């Protein structure tokens, strides 16, 4: 008989894609409405990949509130929870700790890396059979995916975020904690106007002022 691995929970961390609030660093290139539309497209893509991966239950963990109309279409299909307060590290640590209370493995992703597809997620879940943690590093020095077999708050507390040494500092914390980890291929986050070249071409995103 072939044994079946227990499911790996998957958390998608997301912000409501509203104009002036979502992807604000892209407003100069896309305008506030265009940046919000792109944020919504990336949210939809991340959730589609998460469901297609078929590795376990998918949860959408949101800010500011699960009752935001932007998330209404998903509430009947998957669990929608709230991130709560605190900085990014506190919110990630809280979500992972909660989910790992009932699952042997958990992955957490954002919505900013369109290339983080179902195959990538399956590879991350498989990696957690052999190591304590898995990461999807990004070209800007951060990471777009973290997976754990047990809660590890020391990876997230008092961390400075949004700079080019986040993954490097995380490696130092992993070593100090004696946690074995693996890193998957580098991804590209879509945060700055220069990052827009990494969007799927078929999305047809137009820069502000470009010909229609």
N, C-alpha and C. Protein backbone atom coordinates (compact mmCIF):
# COMPACT_ATOMS: atom_id res chain seq x y z
N UNK A 1 0.83 -1.20 0.00
CA UNK A 1 0.00 0.00 0.00
C UNK A 1 0.87 1.25 0.00
N UNK A 2 0.41 2.27 -0.69
CA UNK A 2 1.14 3.53 -0.74
C UNK A 2 0.60 4.47 0.33
N UNK A 3 1.51 4.97 1.18
CA UNK A 3 1.07 5.87 2.24
C UNK A 3 0.79 7.25 1.67
N UNK A 4 -0.18 7.91 2.24
CA UNK A 4 -0.54 9.26 1.81
C UNK A 4 -0.05 10.25 2.85
N UNK A 5 0.71 11.26 2.40
CA UNK A 5 1.25 12.25 3.32
C UNK A 5 0.12 13.11 3.86
N UNK A 6 0.20 13.52 5.13
CA UNK A 6 -0.82 14.43 5.66
C UNK A 6 -0.80 15.75 4.91
N UNK A 7 -1.92 16.44 4.86
CA UNK A 7 -1.97 17.68 4.09
C UNK A 7 -1.06 18.76 4.67
N UNK A 8 -0.64 19.63 3.79
CA UNK A 8 0.16 20.80 4.18
C UNK A 8 -0.74 22.02 4.07
N UNK A 9 -0.98 22.70 5.16
CA UNK A 9 -1.83 23.89 5.14
C UNK A 9 -1.13 25.02 4.37
N UNK A 10 -1.92 25.83 3.74
CA UNK A 10 -1.39 26.93 2.92
C UNK A 10 -2.12 28.22 3.26
N UNK A 11 -1.37 29.20 3.74
CA UNK A 11 -1.91 30.51 4.12
C UNK A 11 -1.51 31.53 3.06
N UNK A 12 -2.48 32.25 2.53
CA UNK A 12 -2.22 33.36 1.60
C UNK A 12 -2.46 34.66 2.35
N UNK A 13 -1.40 35.42 2.56
CA UNK A 13 -1.48 36.69 3.29
C UNK A 13 -1.78 37.80 2.28
N UNK A 14 -2.82 38.58 2.52
CA UNK A 14 -3.23 39.56 1.51
C UNK A 14 -3.79 40.82 2.15
N UNK A 15 -3.64 41.91 1.40
CA UNK A 15 -4.22 43.20 1.76
C UNK A 15 -5.36 43.49 0.79
N UNK A 16 -6.42 44.12 1.27
CA UNK A 16 -7.53 44.48 0.39
C UNK A 16 -7.03 45.36 -0.75
N UNK A 17 -7.33 45.01 -2.00
CA UNK A 17 -6.79 45.74 -3.16
C UNK A 17 -7.58 47.00 -3.48
N UNK A 18 -7.45 48.02 -2.64
CA UNK A 18 -8.16 49.27 -2.84
C UNK A 18 -7.22 50.36 -3.34
N UNK A 19 -7.72 51.22 -4.20
CA UNK A 19 -6.94 52.33 -4.75
C UNK A 19 -6.41 53.21 -3.64
N UNK A 20 -5.13 53.50 -3.71
CA UNK A 20 -4.48 54.35 -2.71
C UNK A 20 -3.98 53.59 -1.50
N UNK A 21 -4.34 52.32 -1.38
CA UNK A 21 -3.90 51.50 -0.24
C UNK A 21 -3.05 50.32 -0.69
N UNK A 22 -3.32 49.78 -1.88
CA UNK A 22 -2.63 48.59 -2.36
C UNK A 22 -1.56 48.97 -3.38
N UNK A 23 -0.39 48.33 -3.27
CA UNK A 23 0.72 48.52 -4.21
C UNK A 23 1.01 50.00 -4.46
N UNK A 24 1.16 50.74 -3.39
CA UNK A 24 1.31 52.19 -3.51
C UNK A 24 2.60 52.59 -4.21
N UNK A 25 3.63 51.75 -4.15
CA UNK A 25 4.88 52.09 -4.83
C UNK A 25 4.76 51.96 -6.35
N UNK A 26 3.65 51.38 -6.82
CA UNK A 26 3.43 51.26 -8.26
C UNK A 26 2.52 52.35 -8.80
N UNK A 27 2.02 53.22 -7.93
CA UNK A 27 1.08 54.26 -8.38
C UNK A 27 1.72 55.18 -9.41
N UNK A 28 3.00 55.49 -9.25
CA UNK A 28 3.67 56.38 -10.21
C UNK A 28 3.65 55.80 -11.62
N UNK A 29 3.68 54.49 -11.74
CA UNK A 29 3.70 53.85 -13.06
C UNK A 29 2.33 53.49 -13.56
N UNK A 30 1.42 53.16 -12.64
CA UNK A 30 0.12 52.62 -13.05
C UNK A 30 -1.06 53.49 -12.68
N UNK A 31 -0.84 54.50 -11.82
CA UNK A 31 -1.96 55.24 -11.25
C UNK A 31 -2.56 54.45 -10.10
N UNK A 32 -3.30 55.12 -9.23
CA UNK A 32 -3.85 54.45 -8.05
C UNK A 32 -4.82 53.34 -8.43
N UNK A 33 -5.69 53.60 -9.42
CA UNK A 33 -6.65 52.58 -9.84
C UNK A 33 -5.95 51.41 -10.51
N UNK A 34 -4.95 51.72 -11.34
CA UNK A 34 -4.22 50.67 -12.02
C UNK A 34 -3.45 49.79 -11.05
N UNK A 35 -2.85 50.41 -10.03
CA UNK A 35 -2.13 49.64 -9.02
C UNK A 35 -3.07 48.73 -8.25
N UNK A 36 -4.27 49.24 -7.94
CA UNK A 36 -5.26 48.43 -7.23
C UNK A 36 -5.75 47.27 -8.10
N UNK A 37 -5.95 47.53 -9.39
CA UNK A 37 -6.38 46.44 -10.29
C UNK A 37 -5.31 45.36 -10.37
N UNK A 38 -4.05 45.78 -10.42
CA UNK A 38 -2.97 44.80 -10.46
C UNK A 38 -2.92 44.01 -9.15
N UNK A 39 -3.11 44.68 -8.03
CA UNK A 39 -3.13 43.98 -6.74
C UNK A 39 -4.24 42.93 -6.71
N UNK A 40 -5.39 43.27 -7.26
CA UNK A 40 -6.50 42.31 -7.30
C UNK A 40 -6.16 41.14 -8.22
N UNK A 41 -5.53 41.43 -9.35
CA UNK A 41 -5.14 40.36 -10.27
C UNK A 41 -4.13 39.42 -9.61
N UNK A 42 -3.19 39.97 -8.88
CA UNK A 42 -2.18 39.14 -8.23
C UNK A 42 -2.80 38.31 -7.10
N UNK A 43 -3.78 38.89 -6.40
CA UNK A 43 -4.49 38.14 -5.37
C UNK A 43 -5.23 36.95 -5.99
N UNK A 44 -5.92 37.20 -7.09
CA UNK A 44 -6.66 36.13 -7.75
C UNK A 44 -5.71 35.04 -8.23
N UNK A 45 -4.56 35.44 -8.79
CA UNK A 45 -3.60 34.47 -9.29
C UNK A 45 -3.02 33.64 -8.16
N UNK A 46 -2.67 34.29 -7.04
CA UNK A 46 -2.10 33.57 -5.89
C UNK A 46 -3.08 32.54 -5.35
N UNK A 47 -4.35 32.92 -5.25
CA UNK A 47 -5.34 31.99 -4.74
C UNK A 47 -5.60 30.84 -5.72
N UNK A 48 -5.60 31.15 -7.01
CA UNK A 48 -5.78 30.09 -8.01
C UNK A 48 -4.63 29.08 -7.94
N UNK A 49 -3.39 29.58 -7.82
CA UNK A 49 -2.24 28.68 -7.70
C UNK A 49 -2.34 27.85 -6.42
N UNK A 50 -2.76 28.50 -5.34
CA UNK A 50 -2.87 27.80 -4.06
C UNK A 50 -3.86 26.65 -4.13
N UNK A 51 -4.99 26.90 -4.76
CA UNK A 51 -6.00 25.85 -4.89
C UNK A 51 -5.56 24.77 -5.87
N UNK A 52 -4.90 25.17 -6.95
CA UNK A 52 -4.44 24.21 -7.94
C UNK A 52 -3.36 23.28 -7.38
N UNK A 53 -2.59 23.77 -6.41
CA UNK A 53 -1.49 22.97 -5.87
C UNK A 53 -2.00 21.68 -5.23
N UNK A 54 -3.17 21.72 -4.63
CA UNK A 54 -3.77 20.53 -4.07
C UNK A 54 -2.98 19.89 -2.94
N UNK A 55 -2.31 20.70 -2.14
CA UNK A 55 -1.46 20.14 -1.07
C UNK A 55 -2.17 20.10 0.28
N UNK A 56 -3.29 20.80 0.39
CA UNK A 56 -3.99 20.85 1.67
C UNK A 56 -4.92 22.04 1.72
N UNK A 57 -5.50 22.31 2.89
CA UNK A 57 -6.47 23.40 3.01
C UNK A 57 -5.83 24.76 2.78
N UNK A 58 -6.56 25.62 2.10
CA UNK A 58 -6.09 26.98 1.79
C UNK A 58 -6.86 27.97 2.66
N UNK A 59 -6.12 28.90 3.23
CA UNK A 59 -6.71 29.96 4.05
C UNK A 59 -6.26 31.31 3.51
N UNK A 60 -7.18 32.23 3.38
CA UNK A 60 -6.87 33.61 3.00
C UNK A 60 -6.87 34.44 4.27
N UNK A 61 -5.71 34.96 4.63
CA UNK A 61 -5.54 35.71 5.87
C UNK A 61 -5.35 37.18 5.50
N UNK A 62 -6.30 38.03 5.89
CA UNK A 62 -6.41 39.35 5.27
C UNK A 62 -6.28 40.50 6.26
N UNK A 63 -6.09 41.66 5.68
CA UNK A 63 -6.16 42.93 6.38
C UNK A 63 -6.85 43.92 5.45
N UNK A 64 -7.72 44.83 5.90
CA UNK A 64 -7.95 45.10 7.32
C UNK A 64 -8.99 44.20 7.98
N UNK A 65 -10.00 43.71 7.21
CA UNK A 65 -11.06 42.92 7.82
C UNK A 65 -11.59 41.90 6.82
N UNK A 66 -11.98 40.75 7.32
CA UNK A 66 -12.51 39.70 6.44
C UNK A 66 -13.84 40.08 5.82
N UNK A 67 -14.51 41.10 6.37
CA UNK A 67 -15.80 41.54 5.84
C UNK A 67 -15.65 42.53 4.69
N UNK A 68 -14.41 42.87 4.33
CA UNK A 68 -14.19 43.79 3.21
C UNK A 68 -14.79 43.19 1.94
N UNK A 69 -15.52 43.98 1.16
CA UNK A 69 -16.14 43.45 -0.06
C UNK A 69 -15.15 42.82 -1.04
N UNK A 70 -13.89 43.23 -0.97
CA UNK A 70 -12.88 42.68 -1.88
C UNK A 70 -12.70 41.18 -1.71
N UNK A 71 -13.08 40.65 -0.55
CA UNK A 71 -12.87 39.22 -0.27
C UNK A 71 -14.17 38.41 -0.33
N UNK A 72 -15.27 39.07 -0.68
CA UNK A 72 -16.57 38.41 -0.63
C UNK A 72 -16.63 37.18 -1.53
N UNK A 73 -15.99 37.26 -2.70
CA UNK A 73 -16.07 36.16 -3.66
C UNK A 73 -15.41 34.89 -3.16
N UNK A 74 -14.56 34.99 -2.15
CA UNK A 74 -13.80 33.84 -1.69
C UNK A 74 -14.36 33.22 -0.42
N UNK A 75 -15.23 33.93 0.27
CA UNK A 75 -15.64 33.47 1.60
C UNK A 75 -16.42 32.15 1.59
N UNK A 76 -17.07 31.83 0.48
CA UNK A 76 -17.81 30.57 0.41
C UNK A 76 -16.92 29.39 0.00
N UNK A 77 -15.73 29.70 -0.53
CA UNK A 77 -14.87 28.64 -1.07
C UNK A 77 -13.76 28.22 -0.10
N UNK A 78 -13.22 29.18 0.63
CA UNK A 78 -12.10 28.89 1.53
C UNK A 78 -12.27 29.69 2.81
N UNK A 79 -11.50 29.32 3.82
CA UNK A 79 -11.52 30.07 5.07
C UNK A 79 -10.88 31.44 4.87
N UNK A 80 -11.54 32.47 5.38
CA UNK A 80 -10.98 33.83 5.34
C UNK A 80 -10.83 34.29 6.78
N UNK A 81 -9.60 34.57 7.17
CA UNK A 81 -9.29 35.00 8.53
C UNK A 81 -8.64 36.37 8.49
N UNK A 82 -8.44 36.95 9.67
CA UNK A 82 -7.84 38.29 9.75
C UNK A 82 -6.43 38.21 10.32
N UNK A 83 -5.55 39.06 9.78
CA UNK A 83 -4.16 39.08 10.22
C UNK A 83 -4.00 39.65 11.62
N UNK A 84 -4.84 40.58 12.00
CA UNK A 84 -4.68 41.24 13.29
C UNK A 84 -3.60 42.31 13.23
N UNK A 85 -3.25 42.83 14.40
CA UNK A 85 -2.31 43.94 14.47
C UNK A 85 -0.86 43.50 14.47
N UNK A 86 0.02 44.49 14.57
CA UNK A 86 1.45 44.22 14.62
C UNK A 86 2.13 44.40 13.29
N UNK A 87 3.46 44.26 13.29
CA UNK A 87 4.21 44.39 12.04
C UNK A 87 4.09 43.10 11.24
N UNK A 88 4.72 43.08 10.08
CA UNK A 88 4.61 41.92 9.20
C UNK A 88 5.07 40.64 9.89
N UNK A 89 6.16 40.71 10.62
CA UNK A 89 6.66 39.52 11.30
C UNK A 89 5.69 38.99 12.33
N UNK A 90 5.08 39.87 13.09
CA UNK A 90 4.11 39.44 14.10
C UNK A 90 2.90 38.79 13.44
N UNK A 91 2.47 39.35 12.33
CA UNK A 91 1.29 38.81 11.66
C UNK A 91 1.59 37.45 11.02
N UNK A 92 2.78 37.30 10.42
CA UNK A 92 3.14 36.00 9.85
C UNK A 92 3.30 34.95 10.94
N UNK A 93 4.01 35.31 12.02
CA UNK A 93 4.23 34.36 13.11
C UNK A 93 2.91 33.92 13.72
N UNK A 94 1.98 34.85 13.89
CA UNK A 94 0.68 34.53 14.49
C UNK A 94 -0.09 33.55 13.60
N UNK A 95 -0.12 33.80 12.29
CA UNK A 95 -0.86 32.93 11.39
C UNK A 95 -0.25 31.53 11.34
N UNK A 96 1.06 31.45 11.27
CA UNK A 96 1.71 30.14 11.21
C UNK A 96 1.53 29.37 12.52
N UNK A 97 1.66 30.05 13.64
CA UNK A 97 1.49 29.40 14.94
C UNK A 97 0.08 28.82 15.06
N UNK A 98 -0.91 29.59 14.63
CA UNK A 98 -2.29 29.13 14.73
C UNK A 98 -2.52 27.89 13.86
N UNK A 99 -2.05 27.92 12.62
CA UNK A 99 -2.30 26.82 11.70
C UNK A 99 -1.49 25.58 12.08
N UNK A 100 -0.27 25.78 12.56
CA UNK A 100 0.55 24.63 12.94
C UNK A 100 0.03 23.95 14.21
N UNK A 101 -0.92 24.55 14.88
CA UNK A 101 -1.54 23.89 16.01
C UNK A 101 -2.38 22.68 15.59
N UNK A 102 -2.77 22.63 14.30
CA UNK A 102 -3.61 21.53 13.84
C UNK A 102 -3.08 20.86 12.57
N UNK A 103 -1.89 21.28 12.10
CA UNK A 103 -1.29 20.68 10.90
C UNK A 103 0.19 20.41 11.14
N UNK A 104 0.70 19.38 10.48
CA UNK A 104 2.11 19.03 10.62
C UNK A 104 3.03 19.94 9.83
N UNK A 105 2.51 20.54 8.78
CA UNK A 105 3.29 21.42 7.92
C UNK A 105 2.42 22.60 7.50
N UNK A 106 3.05 23.75 7.29
CA UNK A 106 2.31 24.92 6.82
C UNK A 106 3.20 25.78 5.95
N UNK A 107 2.63 26.28 4.87
CA UNK A 107 3.28 27.27 4.01
C UNK A 107 2.54 28.59 4.14
N UNK A 108 3.27 29.68 4.02
CA UNK A 108 2.68 31.01 4.00
C UNK A 108 3.27 31.77 2.83
N UNK A 109 2.40 32.38 2.03
CA UNK A 109 2.85 33.17 0.88
C UNK A 109 2.13 34.51 0.89
N UNK A 110 2.69 35.45 0.13
CA UNK A 110 1.99 36.69 -0.15
C UNK A 110 1.36 36.60 -1.53
N UNK A 111 1.09 37.74 -2.12
CA UNK A 111 0.45 37.76 -3.45
C UNK A 111 1.30 38.51 -4.47
N UNK A 112 2.55 38.81 -4.13
CA UNK A 112 3.36 39.71 -4.95
C UNK A 112 4.27 39.02 -5.96
N UNK A 113 4.29 37.68 -5.99
CA UNK A 113 5.21 36.96 -6.88
C UNK A 113 4.41 36.07 -7.82
N UNK A 114 4.03 36.56 -8.99
CA UNK A 114 3.18 35.78 -9.90
C UNK A 114 3.78 34.45 -10.33
N UNK A 115 5.11 34.32 -10.33
CA UNK A 115 5.74 33.07 -10.74
C UNK A 115 5.67 31.99 -9.68
N UNK A 116 5.16 32.33 -8.50
CA UNK A 116 5.01 31.35 -7.43
C UNK A 116 3.75 30.53 -7.72
N UNK A 117 3.93 29.51 -8.54
CA UNK A 117 2.78 28.78 -9.06
C UNK A 117 2.52 27.48 -8.30
N UNK A 118 1.59 26.68 -8.79
CA UNK A 118 1.21 25.45 -8.10
C UNK A 118 2.37 24.48 -7.99
N UNK A 119 3.18 24.36 -9.04
CA UNK A 119 4.32 23.45 -8.99
C UNK A 119 5.32 23.88 -7.93
N UNK A 120 5.54 25.18 -7.81
CA UNK A 120 6.45 25.73 -6.79
C UNK A 120 5.92 25.39 -5.40
N UNK A 121 4.63 25.55 -5.20
CA UNK A 121 4.02 25.24 -3.91
C UNK A 121 4.13 23.76 -3.57
N UNK A 122 3.93 22.91 -4.56
CA UNK A 122 4.07 21.48 -4.31
C UNK A 122 5.51 21.12 -3.94
N UNK A 123 6.47 21.77 -4.59
CA UNK A 123 7.87 21.53 -4.26
C UNK A 123 8.18 21.98 -2.83
N UNK A 124 7.61 23.10 -2.43
CA UNK A 124 7.84 23.60 -1.07
C UNK A 124 7.25 22.65 -0.04
N UNK A 125 6.04 22.18 -0.29
CA UNK A 125 5.41 21.24 0.65
C UNK A 125 6.21 19.95 0.75
N UNK A 126 6.71 19.46 -0.38
CA UNK A 126 7.50 18.23 -0.37
C UNK A 126 8.80 18.41 0.40
N UNK A 127 9.41 19.59 0.28
CA UNK A 127 10.68 19.86 0.96
C UNK A 127 10.54 19.74 2.47
N UNK A 128 9.36 20.07 2.99
CA UNK A 128 9.15 20.04 4.44
C UNK A 128 9.11 18.62 5.01
N UNK A 129 9.15 17.61 4.16
CA UNK A 129 9.27 16.24 4.68
C UNK A 129 10.67 16.00 5.25
N UNK A 130 11.65 16.77 4.77
CA UNK A 130 13.05 16.48 5.09
C UNK A 130 13.75 17.56 5.90
N UNK A 131 13.18 18.76 5.96
CA UNK A 131 13.83 19.86 6.67
C UNK A 131 12.82 20.54 7.58
N UNK A 132 13.32 21.46 8.41
CA UNK A 132 12.45 22.19 9.35
C UNK A 132 11.75 23.37 8.70
N UNK A 133 12.36 23.94 7.66
CA UNK A 133 11.83 25.16 7.06
C UNK A 133 12.18 25.19 5.58
N UNK A 134 11.33 25.85 4.81
CA UNK A 134 11.57 26.06 3.39
C UNK A 134 11.27 27.51 3.07
N UNK A 135 12.05 28.08 2.14
CA UNK A 135 11.87 29.48 1.76
C UNK A 135 11.89 29.62 0.25
N UNK A 136 11.12 30.59 -0.23
CA UNK A 136 11.17 31.01 -1.61
C UNK A 136 11.80 32.39 -1.66
N UNK A 137 13.12 32.48 -1.81
CA UNK A 137 13.80 33.79 -1.78
C UNK A 137 13.44 34.64 -2.99
N UNK A 138 13.55 35.94 -2.84
CA UNK A 138 13.27 36.86 -3.93
C UNK A 138 14.52 37.62 -4.33
N UNK A 139 14.51 38.11 -5.56
CA UNK A 139 15.68 38.79 -6.12
C UNK A 139 16.03 40.06 -5.36
N UNK A 140 15.07 40.63 -4.64
CA UNK A 140 15.34 41.87 -3.90
C UNK A 140 15.88 41.61 -2.49
N UNK A 141 16.20 40.35 -2.17
CA UNK A 141 16.80 40.05 -0.87
C UNK A 141 15.83 39.61 0.20
N UNK A 142 14.57 39.50 -0.13
CA UNK A 142 13.57 39.04 0.83
C UNK A 142 13.13 37.61 0.51
N UNK A 143 11.89 37.31 0.86
CA UNK A 143 11.34 36.01 0.47
C UNK A 143 9.84 36.12 0.27
N UNK A 144 9.31 35.27 -0.63
CA UNK A 144 7.89 35.29 -0.97
C UNK A 144 7.15 34.10 -0.42
N UNK A 145 7.89 33.14 0.13
CA UNK A 145 7.28 31.95 0.71
C UNK A 145 8.10 31.51 1.91
N UNK A 146 7.41 31.13 2.97
CA UNK A 146 8.04 30.49 4.12
C UNK A 146 7.19 29.29 4.50
N UNK A 147 7.84 28.19 4.78
CA UNK A 147 7.15 26.99 5.24
C UNK A 147 7.84 26.43 6.46
N UNK A 148 7.05 25.94 7.41
CA UNK A 148 7.58 25.43 8.67
C UNK A 148 6.90 24.13 9.07
N UNK A 149 7.61 23.34 9.85
CA UNK A 149 7.03 22.14 10.46
C UNK A 149 6.63 22.40 11.91
N UNK A 150 7.15 23.44 12.48
CA UNK A 150 6.73 23.84 13.83
C UNK A 150 6.93 25.35 13.95
N UNK A 151 6.20 25.95 14.86
CA UNK A 151 6.28 27.40 15.04
C UNK A 151 7.71 27.80 15.40
N UNK A 152 8.15 28.91 14.81
CA UNK A 152 9.50 29.41 15.05
C UNK A 152 9.45 30.93 15.14
N UNK A 153 8.90 31.48 16.23
CA UNK A 153 8.73 32.93 16.33
C UNK A 153 10.03 33.71 16.25
N UNK A 154 11.15 33.05 16.57
CA UNK A 154 12.44 33.74 16.53
C UNK A 154 12.84 34.16 15.12
N UNK A 155 12.20 33.59 14.11
CA UNK A 155 12.49 33.99 12.73
C UNK A 155 11.82 35.29 12.34
N UNK A 156 10.86 35.73 13.14
CA UNK A 156 10.02 36.87 12.75
C UNK A 156 10.06 38.04 13.72
N UNK A 157 10.39 37.79 14.98
CA UNK A 157 10.29 38.85 15.99
C UNK A 157 11.44 39.85 15.86
N UNK A 158 11.10 41.14 16.05
CA UNK A 158 12.08 42.23 16.02
C UNK A 158 12.94 42.20 14.76
N UNK A 159 12.32 41.84 13.66
CA UNK A 159 13.00 41.83 12.36
C UNK A 159 12.67 43.12 11.62
N UNK A 160 13.67 43.70 10.96
CA UNK A 160 13.40 44.84 10.09
C UNK A 160 13.05 44.30 8.71
N UNK A 161 11.91 44.73 8.17
CA UNK A 161 11.41 44.20 6.91
C UNK A 161 11.64 45.18 5.77
N UNK A 162 11.41 44.72 4.56
CA UNK A 162 11.47 45.55 3.34
C UNK A 162 12.85 46.16 3.11
N UNK A 163 13.88 45.32 3.18
CA UNK A 163 15.22 45.75 2.78
C UNK A 163 15.92 44.54 2.18
N UNK A 164 17.12 44.76 1.61
CA UNK A 164 17.75 43.72 0.81
C UNK A 164 18.52 42.67 1.62
N UNK A 165 18.39 42.68 2.95
CA UNK A 165 19.10 41.69 3.77
C UNK A 165 18.13 40.83 4.59
N UNK A 166 16.86 40.87 4.25
CA UNK A 166 15.88 40.10 5.03
C UNK A 166 16.20 38.61 4.99
N UNK A 167 16.43 38.07 3.80
CA UNK A 167 16.72 36.64 3.70
C UNK A 167 18.06 36.32 4.35
N UNK A 168 19.04 37.19 4.21
CA UNK A 168 20.35 36.97 4.83
C UNK A 168 20.23 36.92 6.35
N UNK A 169 19.47 37.85 6.92
CA UNK A 169 19.27 37.85 8.37
C UNK A 169 18.46 36.63 8.81
N UNK A 170 17.52 36.21 7.97
CA UNK A 170 16.74 35.01 8.30
C UNK A 170 17.64 33.78 8.31
N UNK A 171 18.59 33.69 7.39
CA UNK A 171 19.53 32.56 7.40
C UNK A 171 20.32 32.53 8.70
N UNK A 172 20.72 33.70 9.17
CA UNK A 172 21.46 33.76 10.43
C UNK A 172 20.60 33.27 11.59
N UNK A 173 19.33 33.64 11.59
CA UNK A 173 18.43 33.20 12.67
C UNK A 173 18.16 31.70 12.59
N UNK A 174 18.03 31.19 11.38
CA UNK A 174 17.84 29.75 11.21
C UNK A 174 19.03 28.98 11.78
N UNK A 175 20.23 29.44 11.47
CA UNK A 175 21.43 28.77 11.97
C UNK A 175 21.50 28.84 13.49
N UNK A 176 21.19 30.01 14.05
CA UNK A 176 21.25 30.17 15.50
C UNK A 176 20.24 29.28 16.21
N UNK A 177 19.10 29.03 15.55
CA UNK A 177 18.06 28.19 16.14
C UNK A 177 18.28 26.71 15.87
N UNK A 178 19.30 26.38 15.08
CA UNK A 178 19.56 24.99 14.74
C UNK A 178 18.51 24.39 13.83
N UNK A 179 17.89 25.22 12.98
CA UNK A 179 16.83 24.76 12.09
C UNK A 179 17.42 24.47 10.70
N UNK A 180 17.15 23.29 10.20
CA UNK A 180 17.58 22.93 8.85
C UNK A 180 16.58 23.50 7.84
N UNK A 181 17.10 24.14 6.79
CA UNK A 181 16.18 24.72 5.82
C UNK A 181 16.69 24.48 4.40
N UNK A 182 15.79 24.66 3.45
CA UNK A 182 16.13 24.59 2.04
C UNK A 182 15.52 25.80 1.36
N UNK A 183 16.18 26.27 0.30
CA UNK A 183 15.68 27.40 -0.47
C UNK A 183 15.36 26.95 -1.89
N UNK A 184 14.21 27.35 -2.38
CA UNK A 184 13.77 27.04 -3.73
C UNK A 184 14.29 28.12 -4.69
N UNK A 185 14.08 27.97 -6.00
CA UNK A 185 14.56 28.97 -6.95
C UNK A 185 14.08 30.39 -6.63
N UNK A 186 14.91 31.35 -6.98
CA UNK A 186 14.63 32.76 -6.70
C UNK A 186 13.43 33.25 -7.51
N UNK A 187 12.59 34.02 -6.85
CA UNK A 187 11.39 34.61 -7.45
C UNK A 187 11.55 36.12 -7.56
N UNK A 188 10.65 36.75 -8.29
CA UNK A 188 10.63 38.21 -8.41
C UNK A 188 9.33 38.75 -7.81
N UNK A 189 9.47 39.60 -6.81
CA UNK A 189 8.34 40.34 -6.27
C UNK A 189 7.99 41.50 -7.20
N UNK A 190 6.74 41.87 -7.23
CA UNK A 190 6.30 43.04 -7.99
C UNK A 190 5.98 44.14 -6.99
N UNK A 191 6.98 44.94 -6.68
CA UNK A 191 6.84 46.01 -5.68
C UNK A 191 7.09 47.39 -6.25
N UNK A 192 8.08 47.49 -7.13
CA UNK A 192 8.51 48.77 -7.70
C UNK A 192 8.22 48.80 -9.19
N UNK A 193 8.14 50.01 -9.80
CA UNK A 193 7.89 50.08 -11.24
C UNK A 193 8.86 49.23 -12.07
N UNK A 194 10.12 49.14 -11.67
CA UNK A 194 11.09 48.35 -12.42
C UNK A 194 10.76 46.86 -12.41
N UNK A 195 9.97 46.44 -11.42
CA UNK A 195 9.62 45.01 -11.31
C UNK A 195 8.54 44.60 -12.30
N UNK A 196 7.86 45.55 -12.92
CA UNK A 196 6.73 45.23 -13.78
C UNK A 196 7.14 44.38 -14.98
N UNK A 197 8.41 44.38 -15.33
CA UNK A 197 8.88 43.55 -16.46
C UNK A 197 8.73 42.06 -16.14
N UNK A 198 8.55 41.72 -14.87
CA UNK A 198 8.44 40.32 -14.48
C UNK A 198 6.99 39.83 -14.42
N UNK A 199 6.05 40.70 -14.80
CA UNK A 199 4.65 40.26 -14.87
C UNK A 199 4.44 39.36 -16.08
N UNK A 200 3.52 38.42 -16.01
CA UNK A 200 3.17 37.63 -17.20
C UNK A 200 2.74 38.56 -18.34
N UNK A 201 3.28 38.35 -19.52
CA UNK A 201 2.97 39.24 -20.63
C UNK A 201 1.49 39.23 -20.98
N UNK A 202 0.84 38.08 -20.81
CA UNK A 202 -0.56 38.01 -21.21
C UNK A 202 -1.48 38.79 -20.28
N UNK A 203 -0.95 39.29 -19.16
CA UNK A 203 -1.77 40.13 -18.30
C UNK A 203 -2.05 41.49 -18.93
N UNK A 204 -1.18 41.91 -19.84
CA UNK A 204 -1.41 43.14 -20.58
C UNK A 204 -1.46 44.40 -19.72
N UNK A 205 -0.62 44.49 -18.70
CA UNK A 205 -0.61 45.68 -17.84
C UNK A 205 -0.01 46.85 -18.58
N UNK A 206 -0.73 47.97 -18.59
CA UNK A 206 -0.28 49.17 -19.29
C UNK A 206 0.24 50.18 -18.28
N UNK A 207 1.39 50.75 -18.61
CA UNK A 207 1.95 51.80 -17.78
C UNK A 207 1.16 53.09 -17.96
N UNK A 208 1.22 53.92 -16.93
CA UNK A 208 0.51 55.21 -16.98
C UNK A 208 1.04 56.03 -18.16
N UNK A 209 0.13 56.54 -18.95
CA UNK A 209 0.52 57.38 -20.07
C UNK A 209 0.90 56.62 -21.32
N UNK A 210 0.88 55.27 -21.28
CA UNK A 210 1.21 54.49 -22.47
C UNK A 210 0.04 54.50 -23.43
N UNK A 211 0.29 54.32 -24.73
CA UNK A 211 -0.80 54.33 -25.71
C UNK A 211 -1.79 53.22 -25.44
N UNK A 212 -3.06 53.45 -25.68
CA UNK A 212 -4.08 52.42 -25.49
C UNK A 212 -4.30 51.67 -26.79
